[in-house]
Amino acid sequence: GRGGNYVINTGGEKVYSEEVEEVIKSNPKARDVAVIGIPDDKWGEAVTAIVELNPGEKATEDGIREFCRGKIAGFKIPKNVVFHKVARTGHEKIMRFEMIEVALKGMGK
């Protein structure tokens, strides 16, 4: 998808990656964020965040989810959070395909 048009279909709801990315990016611990959909038996796609932390920062999956609570609808809150560097092209586009691979590895799949 181009720009903000990367859509995750989760449990019949549409989630726009950029909206979730912006919320998590507003966390002072986060340096960069990529939000992708991971195929999921129950949800169709599970909202998954790859979070690159600022140097020296520590965070947990639950901490990131907690941060999102009240800022976005519950179904948009990432089901999975993986801490890893976010890959971007020279044009600052998130390399979503690579990020899906990273997320699956990080989730032990």
PDB file of N, CA and C in Angstrom:
ATOM      1  N   GLY A   1       0.815  -1.214   0.000  1.00  0.00           N
ATOM      2  CA  GLY A   1       0.000   0.000   0.000  1.00  0.00           C
ATOM      3  C   GLY A   1       0.839   1.250   0.000  1.00  0.00           C
ATOM      4  N   ARG A   2       0.314   2.349  -0.476  1.00  0.00           N
ATOM      5  CA  ARG A   2       1.057   3.602  -0.488  1.00  0.00           C
ATOM      6  C   ARG A   2       0.749   4.384   0.771  1.00  0.00           C
ATOM      7  N   GLY A   3       1.770   4.948   1.366  1.00  0.00           N
ATOM      8  CA  GLY A   3       1.581   5.859   2.495  1.00  0.00           C
ATOM      9  C   GLY A   3       0.688   5.292   3.576  1.00  0.00           C
ATOM     10  N   GLY A   4      -0.418   5.969   3.844  1.00  0.00           N
ATOM     11  CA  GLY A   4      -1.298   5.589   4.937  1.00  0.00           C
ATOM     12  C   GLY A   4      -2.304   4.526   4.555  1.00  0.00           C
ATOM     13  N   ASN A   5      -2.115   3.913   3.380  1.00  0.00           N
ATOM     14  CA  ASN A   5      -3.128   2.971   2.925  1.00  0.00           C
ATOM     15  C   ASN A   5      -2.845   1.529   3.295  1.00  0.00           C
ATOM     16  N   TYR A   6      -1.865   1.299   4.160  1.00  0.00           N
ATOM     17  CA  TYR A   6      -1.612  -0.077   4.569  1.00  0.00           C
ATOM     18  C   TYR A   6      -2.675  -0.438   5.598  1.00  0.00           C
ATOM     19  N   VAL A   7      -3.556  -1.353   5.211  1.00  0.00           N
ATOM     20  CA  VAL A   7      -4.711  -1.689   6.045  1.00  0.00           C
ATOM     21  C   VAL A   7      -4.577  -3.109   6.567  1.00  0.00           C
ATOM     22  N   ILE A   8      -4.848  -3.264   7.845  1.00  0.00           N
ATOM     23  CA  ILE A   8      -4.863  -4.585   8.469  1.00  0.00           C
ATOM     24  C   ILE A   8      -6.326  -4.921   8.740  1.00  0.00           C
ATOM     25  N   ASN A   9      -6.750  -6.108   8.306  1.00  0.00           N
ATOM     26  CA  ASN A   9      -8.121  -6.544   8.586  1.00  0.00           C
ATOM     27  C   ASN A   9      -8.087  -7.502   9.757  1.00  0.00           C
ATOM     28  N   THR A  10      -8.637  -7.054  10.883  1.00  0.00           N
ATOM     29  CA  THR A  10      -8.566  -7.872  12.085  1.00  0.00           C
ATOM     30  C   THR A  10      -9.962  -8.060  12.662  1.00  0.00           C
ATOM     31  N   GLY A  11     -10.408  -9.289  12.729  1.00  0.00           N
ATOM     32  CA  GLY A  11     -11.739  -9.575  13.276  1.00  0.00           C
ATOM     33  C   GLY A  11     -12.828  -8.763  12.612  1.00  0.00           C
ATOM     34  N   GLY A  12     -12.700  -8.552  11.280  1.00  0.00           N
ATOM     35  CA  GLY A  12     -13.735  -7.800  10.562  1.00  0.00           C
ATOM     36  C   GLY A  12     -13.596  -6.291  10.663  1.00  0.00           C
ATOM     37  N   GLU A  13     -12.614  -5.814  11.397  1.00  0.00           N
ATOM     38  CA  GLU A  13     -12.385  -4.365  11.519  1.00  0.00           C
ATOM     39  C   GLU A  13     -11.175  -3.985  10.681  1.00  0.00           C
ATOM     40  N   LYS A  14     -11.188  -2.750  10.180  1.00  0.00           N
ATOM     41  CA  LYS A  14     -10.040  -2.252   9.425  1.00  0.00           C
ATOM     42  C   LYS A  14      -9.172  -1.386  10.340  1.00  0.00           C
ATOM     43  N   VAL A  15      -7.882  -1.648  10.288  1.00  0.00           N
ATOM     44  CA  VAL A  15      -6.942  -0.847  11.067  1.00  0.00           C
ATOM     45  C   VAL A  15      -5.919  -0.253  10.104  1.00  0.00           C
ATOM     46  N   TYR A  16      -5.761   1.066  10.167  1.00  0.00           N
ATOM     47  CA  TYR A  16      -4.753   1.733   9.335  1.00  0.00           C
ATOM     48  C   TYR A  16      -3.454   1.815  10.136  1.00  0.00           C
ATOM     49  N   SER A  17      -2.400   1.204   9.578  1.00  0.00           N
ATOM     50  CA  SER A  17      -1.110   1.144  10.264  1.00  0.00           C
ATOM     51  C   SER A  17      -0.640   2.485  10.791  1.00  0.00           C
ATOM     52  N   GLU A  18      -0.753   3.509   9.937  1.00  0.00           N
ATOM     53  CA  GLU A  18      -0.171   4.801  10.297  1.00  0.00           C
ATOM     54  C   GLU A  18      -0.768   5.367  11.572  1.00  0.00           C
ATOM     55  N   GLU A  19      -2.046   5.119  11.781  1.00  0.00           N
ATOM     56  CA  GLU A  19      -2.691   5.644  12.991  1.00  0.00           C
ATOM     57  C   GLU A  19      -2.048   5.029  14.233  1.00  0.00           C
ATOM     58  N   VAL A  20      -1.834   3.715  14.182  1.00  0.00           N
ATOM     59  CA  VAL A  20      -1.247   3.011  15.332  1.00  0.00           C
ATOM     60  C   VAL A  20       0.231   3.399  15.479  1.00  0.00           C
ATOM     61  N   GLU A  21       0.920   3.535  14.349  1.00  0.00           N
ATOM     62  CA  GLU A  21       2.336   3.941  14.382  1.00  0.00           C
ATOM     63  C   GLU A  21       2.492   5.296  15.052  1.00  0.00           C
ATOM     64  N   GLU A  22       1.628   6.246  14.693  1.00  0.00           N
ATOM     65  CA  GLU A  22       1.719   7.598  15.261  1.00  0.00           C
ATOM     66  C   GLU A  22       1.549   7.565  16.784  1.00  0.00           C
ATOM     67  N   VAL A  23       0.610   6.761  17.254  1.00  0.00           N
ATOM     68  CA  VAL A  23       0.367   6.677  18.694  1.00  0.00           C
ATOM     69  C   VAL A  23       1.602   6.137  19.415  1.00  0.00           C
ATOM     70  N   ILE A  24       2.135   5.016  18.908  1.00  0.00           N
ATOM     71  CA  ILE A  24       3.283   4.406  19.590  1.00  0.00           C
ATOM     72  C   ILE A  24       4.509   5.308  19.480  1.00  0.00           C
ATOM     73  N   LYS A  25       4.645   6.002  18.339  1.00  0.00           N
ATOM     74  CA  LYS A  25       5.783   6.913  18.156  1.00  0.00           C
ATOM     75  C   LYS A  25       5.754   8.066  19.140  1.00  0.00           C
ATOM     76  N   SER A  26       4.563   8.379  19.651  1.00  0.00           N
ATOM     77  CA  SER A  26       4.481   9.474  20.624  1.00  0.00           C
ATOM     78  C   SER A  26       5.024   9.045  21.991  1.00  0.00           C
ATOM     79  N   ASN A  27       5.350   7.759  22.136  1.00  0.00           N
ATOM     80  CA  ASN A  27       5.980   7.270  23.370  1.00  0.00           C
ATOM     81  C   ASN A  27       7.446   7.698  23.332  1.00  0.00           C
ATOM     82  N   PRO A  28       7.905   8.435  24.362  1.00  0.00           N
ATOM     83  CA  PRO A  28       9.286   8.936  24.337  1.00  0.00           C
ATOM     84  C   PRO A  28      10.349   7.830  24.225  1.00  0.00           C
ATOM     85  N   LYS A  29       9.987   6.608  24.581  1.00  0.00           N
ATOM     86  CA  LYS A  29      10.953   5.505  24.483  1.00  0.00           C
ATOM     87  C   LYS A  29      11.146   5.020  23.055  1.00  0.00           C
ATOM     88  N   ALA A  30      10.158   5.293  22.203  1.00  0.00           N
ATOM     89  CA  ALA A  30      10.158   4.732  20.852  1.00  0.00           C
ATOM     90  C   ALA A  30      10.905   5.629  19.876  1.00  0.00           C
ATOM     91  N   ARG A  31      11.821   5.036  19.144  1.00  0.00           N
ATOM     92  CA  ARG A  31      12.558   5.771  18.123  1.00  0.00           C
ATOM     93  C   ARG A  31      11.853   5.625  16.777  1.00  0.00           C
ATOM     94  N   ASP A  32      11.374   4.420  16.485  1.00  0.00           N
ATOM     95  CA  ASP A  32      10.670   4.185  15.228  1.00  0.00           C
ATOM     96  C   ASP A  32       9.710   3.016  15.431  1.00  0.00           C
ATOM     97  N   VAL A  33       8.674   2.982  14.613  1.00  0.00           N
ATOM     98  CA  VAL A  33       7.629   1.968  14.763  1.00  0.00           C
ATOM     99  C   VAL A  33       7.116   1.552  13.393  1.00  0.00           C
ATOM    100  N   ALA A  34       6.898   0.244  13.231  1.00  0.00           N
ATOM    101  CA  ALA A  34       6.231  -0.273  12.038  1.00  0.00           C
ATOM    102  C   ALA A  34       5.084  -1.152  12.509  1.00  0.00           C
ATOM    103  N   VAL A  35       3.902  -0.925  11.967  1.00  0.00           N
ATOM    104  CA  VAL A  35       2.742  -1.735  12.332  1.00  0.00           C
ATOM    105  C   VAL A  35       2.307  -2.518  11.100  1.00  0.00           C
ATOM    106  N   ILE A  36       2.183  -3.821  11.275  1.00  0.00           N
ATOM    107  CA  ILE A  36       1.882  -4.728  10.168  1.00  0.00           C
ATOM    108  C   ILE A  36       0.817  -5.720  10.609  1.00  0.00           C
ATOM    109  N   GLY A  37       0.288  -6.454   9.637  1.00  0.00           N
ATOM    110  CA  GLY A  37      -0.654  -7.526   9.947  1.00  0.00           C
ATOM    111  C   GLY A  37       0.031  -8.867   9.791  1.00  0.00           C
ATOM    112  N   ILE A  38      -0.124  -9.722  10.780  1.00  0.00           N
ATOM    113  CA  ILE A  38       0.435 -11.071  10.737  1.00  0.00           C
ATOM    114  C   ILE A  38      -0.744 -12.038  10.598  1.00  0.00           C
ATOM    115  N   PRO A  39      -0.701 -12.963   9.638  1.00  0.00           N
ATOM    116  CA  PRO A  39      -1.815 -13.913   9.476  1.00  0.00           C
ATOM    117  C   PRO A  39      -2.134 -14.608  10.799  1.00  0.00           C
ATOM    118  N   ASP A  40      -3.421 -14.678  11.111  1.00  0.00           N
ATOM    119  CA  ASP A  40      -3.839 -15.198  12.407  1.00  0.00           C
ATOM    120  C   ASP A  40      -5.130 -15.986  12.227  1.00  0.00           C
ATOM    121  N   ASP A  41      -5.174 -17.202  12.773  1.00  0.00           N
ATOM    122  CA  ASP A  41      -6.346 -18.073  12.607  1.00  0.00           C
ATOM    123  C   ASP A  41      -7.610 -17.440  13.158  1.00  0.00           C
ATOM    124  N   LYS A  42      -7.491 -16.788  14.305  1.00  0.00           N
ATOM    125  CA  LYS A  42      -8.673 -16.257  14.974  1.00  0.00           C
ATOM    126  C   LYS A  42      -9.113 -14.923  14.381  1.00  0.00           C
ATOM    127  N   TRP A  43      -8.153 -14.052  14.108  1.00  0.00           N
ATOM    128  CA  TRP A  43      -8.482 -12.672  13.745  1.00  0.00           C
ATOM    129  C   TRP A  43      -8.380 -12.383  12.252  1.00  0.00           C
ATOM    130  N   GLY A  44      -7.877 -13.346  11.463  1.00  0.00           N
ATOM    131  CA  GLY A  44      -7.598 -13.050  10.054  1.00  0.00           C
ATOM    132  C   GLY A  44      -6.193 -12.478   9.971  1.00  0.00           C
ATOM    133  N   GLU A  45      -6.034 -11.296  10.555  1.00  0.00           N
ATOM    134  CA  GLU A  45      -4.704 -10.709  10.718  1.00  0.00           C
ATOM    135  C   GLU A  45      -4.604 -10.153  12.130  1.00  0.00           C
ATOM    136  N   ALA A  46      -3.450 -10.340  12.755  1.00  0.00           N
ATOM    137  CA  ALA A  46      -3.226  -9.781  14.086  1.00  0.00           C
ATOM    138  C   ALA A  46      -2.390  -8.518  13.936  1.00  0.00           C
ATOM    139  N   VAL A  47      -2.880  -7.427  14.538  1.00  0.00           N
ATOM    140  CA  VAL A  47      -2.128  -6.168  14.535  1.00  0.00           C
ATOM    141  C   VAL A  47      -0.825  -6.393  15.302  1.00  0.00           C
ATOM    142  N   THR A  48       0.295  -6.117  14.650  1.00  0.00           N
ATOM    143  CA  THR A  48       1.603  -6.404  15.230  1.00  0.00           C
ATOM    144  C   THR A  48       2.488  -5.176  15.083  1.00  0.00           C
ATOM    145  N   ALA A  49       3.119  -4.766  16.185  1.00  0.00           N
ATOM    146  CA  ALA A  49       3.987  -3.590  16.159  1.00  0.00           C
ATOM    147  C   ALA A  49       5.438  -4.006  16.310  1.00  0.00           C
ATOM    148  N   ILE A  50       6.277  -3.495  15.421  1.00  0.00           N
ATOM    149  CA  ILE A  50       7.721  -3.624  15.602  1.00  0.00           C
ATOM    150  C   ILE A  50       8.175  -2.277  16.123  1.00  0.00           C
ATOM    151  N   VAL A  51       8.758  -2.304  17.312  1.00  0.00           N
ATOM    152  CA  VAL A  51       9.131  -1.063  17.975  1.00  0.00           C
ATOM    153  C   VAL A  51      10.644  -1.005  18.124  1.00  0.00           C
ATOM    154  N   GLU A  52      11.217   0.057  17.567  1.00  0.00           N
ATOM    155  CA  GLU A  52      12.644   0.316  17.736  1.00  0.00           C
ATOM    156  C   GLU A  52      12.767   1.332  18.861  1.00  0.00           C
ATOM    157  N   LEU A  53      13.410   0.925  19.935  1.00  0.00           N
ATOM    158  CA  LEU A  53      13.527   1.805  21.104  1.00  0.00           C
ATOM    159  C   LEU A  53      14.709   2.752  20.951  1.00  0.00           C
ATOM    160  N   ASN A  54      14.621   3.885  21.632  1.00  0.00           N
ATOM    161  CA  ASN A  54      15.764   4.784  21.697  1.00  0.00           C
ATOM    162  C   ASN A  54      16.880   4.094  22.465  1.00  0.00           C
ATOM    163  N   PRO A  55      18.136   4.418  22.150  1.00  0.00           N
ATOM    164  CA  PRO A  55      19.261   3.766  22.822  1.00  0.00           C
ATOM    165  C   PRO A  55      19.123   3.857  24.347  1.00  0.00           C
ATOM    166  N   GLY A  56      19.365   2.710  24.989  1.00  0.00           N
ATOM    167  CA  GLY A  56      19.323   2.682  26.457  1.00  0.00           C
ATOM    168  C   GLY A  56      17.932   2.523  27.053  1.00  0.00           C
ATOM    169  N   GLU A  57      16.902   2.561  26.229  1.00  0.00           N
ATOM    170  CA  GLU A  57      15.534   2.419  26.750  1.00  0.00           C
ATOM    171  C   GLU A  57      15.143   0.951  26.874  1.00  0.00           C
ATOM    172  N   LYS A  58      14.288   0.681  27.849  1.00  0.00           N
ATOM    173  CA  LYS A  58      13.732  -0.663  28.023  1.00  0.00           C
ATOM    174  C   LYS A  58      12.210  -0.538  27.989  1.00  0.00           C
ATOM    175  N   ALA A  59      11.567  -1.530  27.391  1.00  0.00           N
ATOM    176  CA  ALA A  59      10.105  -1.536  27.386  1.00  0.00           C
ATOM    177  C   ALA A  59       9.640  -2.974  27.278  1.00  0.00           C
ATOM    178  N   THR A  60       8.375  -3.205  27.629  1.00  0.00           N
ATOM    179  CA  THR A  60       7.794  -4.539  27.526  1.00  0.00           C
ATOM    180  C   THR A  60       6.607  -4.476  26.569  1.00  0.00           C
ATOM    181  N   GLU A  61       6.210  -5.667  26.106  1.00  0.00           N
ATOM    182  CA  GLU A  61       5.019  -5.755  25.250  1.00  0.00           C
ATOM    183  C   GLU A  61       3.832  -5.115  25.949  1.00  0.00           C
ATOM    184  N   ASP A  62       3.627  -5.493  27.211  1.00  0.00           N
ATOM    185  CA  ASP A  62       2.472  -4.976  27.953  1.00  0.00           C
ATOM    186  C   ASP A  62       2.567  -3.469  28.139  1.00  0.00           C
ATOM    187  N   GLY A  63       3.782  -2.987  28.344  1.00  0.00           N
ATOM    188  CA  GLY A  63       3.984  -1.546  28.525  1.00  0.00           C
ATOM    189  C   GLY A  63       3.556  -0.765  27.293  1.00  0.00           C
ATOM    190  N   ILE A  64       3.895  -1.303  26.127  1.00  0.00           N
ATOM    191  CA  ILE A  64       3.513  -0.637  24.870  1.00  0.00           C
ATOM    192  C   ILE A  64       1.997  -0.689  24.698  1.00  0.00           C
ATOM    193  N   ARG A  65       1.404  -1.842  24.993  1.00  0.00           N
ATOM    194  CA  ARG A  65      -0.070  -1.960  24.855  1.00  0.00           C
ATOM    195  C   ARG A  65      -0.775  -1.013  25.814  1.00  0.00           C
ATOM    196  N   GLU A  66      -0.275  -0.950  27.030  1.00  0.00           N
ATOM    197  CA  GLU A  66      -0.828  -0.078  28.067  1.00  0.00           C
ATOM    198  C   GLU A  66      -0.791   1.378  27.590  1.00  0.00           C
ATOM    199  N   PHE A  67       0.326   1.755  26.954  1.00  0.00           N
ATOM    200  CA  PHE A  67       0.515   3.114  26.446  1.00  0.00           C
ATOM    201  C   PHE A  67      -0.554   3.453  25.403  1.00  0.00           C
ATOM    202  N   CYS A  68      -0.958   2.454  24.619  1.00  0.00           N
ATOM    203  CA  CYS A  68      -1.952   2.672  23.552  1.00  0.00           C
ATOM    204  C   CYS A  68      -3.371   2.792  24.097  1.00  0.00           C
ATOM    205  N   ARG A  69      -3.601   2.211  25.266  1.00  0.00           N
ATOM    206  CA  ARG A  69      -4.955   2.151  25.809  1.00  0.00           C
ATOM    207  C   ARG A  69      -5.546   3.539  26.005  1.00  0.00           C
ATOM    208  N   GLY A  70      -6.777   3.731  25.528  1.00  0.00           N
ATOM    209  CA  GLY A  70      -7.422   5.031  25.702  1.00  0.00           C
ATOM    210  C   GLY A  70      -7.055   6.018  24.596  1.00  0.00           C
ATOM    211  N   LYS A  71      -5.987   5.723  23.845  1.00  0.00           N
ATOM    212  CA  LYS A  71      -5.596   6.608  22.743  1.00  0.00           C
ATOM    213  C   LYS A  71      -6.187   6.127  21.425  1.00  0.00           C
ATOM    214  N   ILE A  72      -6.364   4.814  21.309  1.00  0.00           N
ATOM    215  CA  ILE A  72      -6.979   4.232  20.104  1.00  0.00           C
ATOM    216  C   ILE A  72      -7.936   3.127  20.532  1.00  0.00           C
ATOM    217  N   ALA A  73      -8.827   2.766  19.628  1.00  0.00           N
ATOM    218  CA  ALA A  73      -9.811   1.713  19.929  1.00  0.00           C
ATOM    219  C   ALA A  73      -9.096   0.414  20.296  1.00  0.00           C
ATOM    220  N   GLY A  74      -9.721  -0.358  21.148  1.00  0.00           N
ATOM    221  CA  GLY A  74      -9.142  -1.609  21.638  1.00  0.00           C
ATOM    222  C   GLY A  74      -8.680  -2.550  20.540  1.00  0.00           C
ATOM    223  N   PHE A  75      -9.473  -2.652  19.466  1.00  0.00           N
ATOM    224  CA  PHE A  75      -9.114  -3.609  18.410  1.00  0.00           C
ATOM    225  C   PHE A  75      -7.871  -3.172  17.626  1.00  0.00           C
ATOM    226  N   LYS A  76      -7.470  -1.898  17.790  1.00  0.00           N
ATOM    227  CA  LYS A  76      -6.280  -1.387  17.088  1.00  0.00           C
ATOM    228  C   LYS A  76      -5.002  -1.594  17.899  1.00  0.00           C
ATOM    229  N   ILE A  77      -5.159  -1.914  19.175  1.00  0.00           N
ATOM    230  CA  ILE A  77      -3.984  -2.099  20.032  1.00  0.00           C
ATOM    231  C   ILE A  77      -3.251  -3.367  19.593  1.00  0.00           C
ATOM    232  N   PRO A  78      -1.934  -3.287  19.401  1.00  0.00           N
ATOM    233  CA  PRO A  78      -1.208  -4.460  18.886  1.00  0.00           C
ATOM    234  C   PRO A  78      -1.391  -5.709  19.739  1.00  0.00           C
ATOM    235  N   LYS A  79      -1.679  -6.824  19.058  1.00  0.00           N
ATOM    236  CA  LYS A  79      -1.772  -8.116  19.750  1.00  0.00           C
ATOM    237  C   LYS A  79      -0.367  -8.615  20.050  1.00  0.00           C
ATOM    238  N   ASN A  80       0.573  -8.258  19.164  1.00  0.00           N
ATOM    239  CA  ASN A  80       1.972  -8.659  19.333  1.00  0.00           C
ATOM    240  C   ASN A  80       2.844  -7.424  19.259  1.00  0.00           C
ATOM    241  N   VAL A  81       3.886  -7.410  20.096  1.00  0.00           N
ATOM    242  CA  VAL A  81       4.882  -6.340  20.032  1.00  0.00           C
ATOM    243  C   VAL A  81       6.249  -7.005  19.979  1.00  0.00           C
ATOM    244  N   VAL A  82       7.037  -6.646  18.966  1.00  0.00           N
ATOM    245  CA  VAL A  82       8.385  -7.190  18.821  1.00  0.00           C
ATOM    246  C   VAL A  82       9.349  -6.007  18.829  1.00  0.00           C
ATOM    247  N   PHE A  83      10.418  -6.114  19.625  1.00  0.00           N
ATOM    248  CA  PHE A  83      11.396  -5.022  19.688  1.00  0.00           C
ATOM    249  C   PHE A  83      12.533  -5.312  18.713  1.00  0.00           C
ATOM    250  N   HIS A  84      12.688  -4.427  17.735  1.00  0.00           N
ATOM    251  CA  HIS A  84      13.665  -4.649  16.671  1.00  0.00           C
ATOM    252  C   HIS A  84      13.819  -3.350  15.892  1.00  0.00           C
ATOM    253  N   LYS A  85      14.932  -3.215  15.212  1.00  0.00           N
ATOM    254  CA  LYS A  85      15.140  -2.045  14.347  1.00  0.00           C
ATOM    255  C   LYS A  85      14.122  -2.079  13.207  1.00  0.00           C
ATOM    256  N   VAL A  86      13.600  -0.920  12.862  1.00  0.00           N
ATOM    257  CA  VAL A  86      12.650  -0.813  11.752  1.00  0.00           C
ATOM    258  C   VAL A  86      13.429  -0.571  10.451  1.00  0.00           C
ATOM    259  N   ALA A  87      13.188  -1.431   9.462  1.00  0.00           N
ATOM    260  CA  ALA A  87      13.860  -1.280   8.168  1.00  0.00           C
ATOM    261  C   ALA A  87      13.071  -0.319   7.290  1.00  0.00           C
ATOM    262  N   ARG A  88      13.776   0.656   6.745  1.00  0.00           N
ATOM    263  CA  ARG A  88      13.148   1.611   5.828  1.00  0.00           C
ATOM    264  C   ARG A  88      13.971   1.712   4.552  1.00  0.00           C
ATOM    265  N   THR A  89      13.291   2.071   3.468  1.00  0.00           N
ATOM    266  CA  THR A  89      13.984   2.290   2.202  1.00  0.00           C
ATOM    267  C   THR A  89      14.668   3.652   2.252  1.00  0.00           C
ATOM    268  N   GLY A  90      15.406   3.959   1.207  1.00  0.00           N
ATOM    269  CA  GLY A  90      16.022   5.285   1.093  1.00  0.00           C
ATOM    270  C   GLY A  90      14.990   6.395   1.093  1.00  0.00           C
ATOM    271  N   HIS A  91      13.757   6.073   0.751  1.00  0.00           N
ATOM    272  CA  HIS A  91      12.691   7.082   0.719  1.00  0.00           C
ATOM    273  C   HIS A  91      11.882   7.085   2.011  1.00  0.00           C
ATOM    274  N   GLU A  92      12.453   6.468   3.063  1.00  0.00           N
ATOM    275  CA  GLU A  92      11.793   6.457   4.376  1.00  0.00           C
ATOM    276  C   GLU A  92      10.517   5.631   4.420  1.00  0.00           C
ATOM    277  N   LYS A  93      10.289   4.821   3.381  1.00  0.00           N
ATOM    278  CA  LYS A  93       9.124   3.926   3.411  1.00  0.00           C
ATOM    279  C   LYS A  93       9.473   2.713   4.251  1.00  0.00           C
ATOM    280  N   ILE A  94       8.546   2.282   5.085  1.00  0.00           N
ATOM    281  CA  ILE A  94       8.774   1.080   5.884  1.00  0.00           C
ATOM    282  C   ILE A  94       8.816  -0.125   4.950  1.00  0.00           C
ATOM    283  N   MET A  95       9.807  -0.985   5.144  1.00  0.00           N
ATOM    284  CA  MET A  95       9.905  -2.202   4.339  1.00  0.00           C
ATOM    285  C   MET A  95       9.028  -3.259   5.014  1.00  0.00           C
ATOM    286  N   ARG A  96       7.732  -3.206   4.691  1.00  0.00           N
ATOM    287  CA  ARG A  96       6.766  -4.003   5.459  1.00  0.00           C
ATOM    288  C   ARG A  96       6.980  -5.508   5.309  1.00  0.00           C
ATOM    289  N   PHE A  97       7.357  -5.931   4.124  1.00  0.00           N
ATOM    290  CA  PHE A  97       7.561  -7.367   3.920  1.00  0.00           C
ATOM    291  C   PHE A  97       8.670  -7.873   4.848  1.00  0.00           C
ATOM    292  N   GLU A  98       9.789  -7.147   4.894  1.00  0.00           N
ATOM    293  CA  GLU A  98      10.892  -7.508   5.782  1.00  0.00           C
ATOM    294  C   GLU A  98      10.451  -7.476   7.239  1.00  0.00           C
ATOM    295  N   MET A  99       9.620  -6.507   7.571  1.00  0.00           N
ATOM    296  CA  MET A  99       9.170  -6.371   8.958  1.00  0.00           C
ATOM    297  C   MET A  99       8.263  -7.539   9.378  1.00  0.00           C
ATOM    298  N   ILE A 100       7.499  -8.062   8.412  1.00  0.00           N
ATOM    299  CA  ILE A 100       6.663  -9.239   8.709  1.00  0.00           C
ATOM    300  C   ILE A 100       7.566 -10.425   9.048  1.00  0.00           C
ATOM    301  N   GLU A 101       8.652 -10.593   8.270  1.00  0.00           N
ATOM    302  CA  GLU A 101       9.606 -11.669   8.547  1.00  0.00           C
ATOM    303  C   GLU A 101      10.193 -11.535   9.955  1.00  0.00           C
ATOM    304  N   VAL A 102      10.611 -10.308  10.282  1.00  0.00           N
ATOM    305  CA  VAL A 102      11.209 -10.014  11.587  1.00  0.00           C
ATOM    306  C   VAL A 102      10.223 -10.328  12.710  1.00  0.00           C
ATOM    307  N   ALA A 103       8.968  -9.934  12.518  1.00  0.00           N
ATOM    308  CA  ALA A 103       7.953 -10.154  13.545  1.00  0.00           C
ATOM    309  C   ALA A 103       7.734 -11.646  13.763  1.00  0.00           C
ATOM    310  N   LEU A 104       7.619 -12.392  12.679  1.00  0.00           N
ATOM    311  CA  LEU A 104       7.386 -13.840  12.815  1.00  0.00           C
ATOM    312  C   LEU A 104       8.547 -14.509  13.558  1.00  0.00           C
ATOM    313  N   LYS A 105       9.785 -14.085  13.220  1.00  0.00           N
ATOM    314  CA  LYS A 105      10.957 -14.625  13.937  1.00  0.00           C
ATOM    315  C   LYS A 105      10.894 -14.268  15.412  1.00  0.00           C
ATOM    316  N   GLY A 106      10.588 -12.999  15.676  1.00  0.00           N
ATOM    317  CA  GLY A 106      10.543 -12.516  17.047  1.00  0.00           C
ATOM    318  C   GLY A 106       9.467 -13.204  17.873  1.00  0.00           C
ATOM    319  N   MET A 107       8.429 -13.657  17.194  1.00  0.00           N
ATOM    320  CA  MET A 107       7.332 -14.349  17.880  1.00  0.00           C
ATOM    321  C   MET A 107       7.579 -15.849  17.931  1.00  0.00           C
ATOM    322  N   GLY A 108       8.729 -16.264  17.407  1.00  0.00           N
ATOM    323  CA  GLY A 108       9.086 -17.681  17.439  1.00  0.00           C
ATOM    324  C   GLY A 108       8.261 -18.540  16.497  1.00  0.00           C
ATOM    325  N   LYS A 109       7.798 -17.949  15.391  1.00  0.00           N
ATOM    326  CA  LYS A 109       7.003 -18.714  14.424  1.00  0.00           C
ATOM    327  C   LYS A 109       7.871 -19.175  13.247  1.00  0.00           C
TER     328      LYS A 109
END
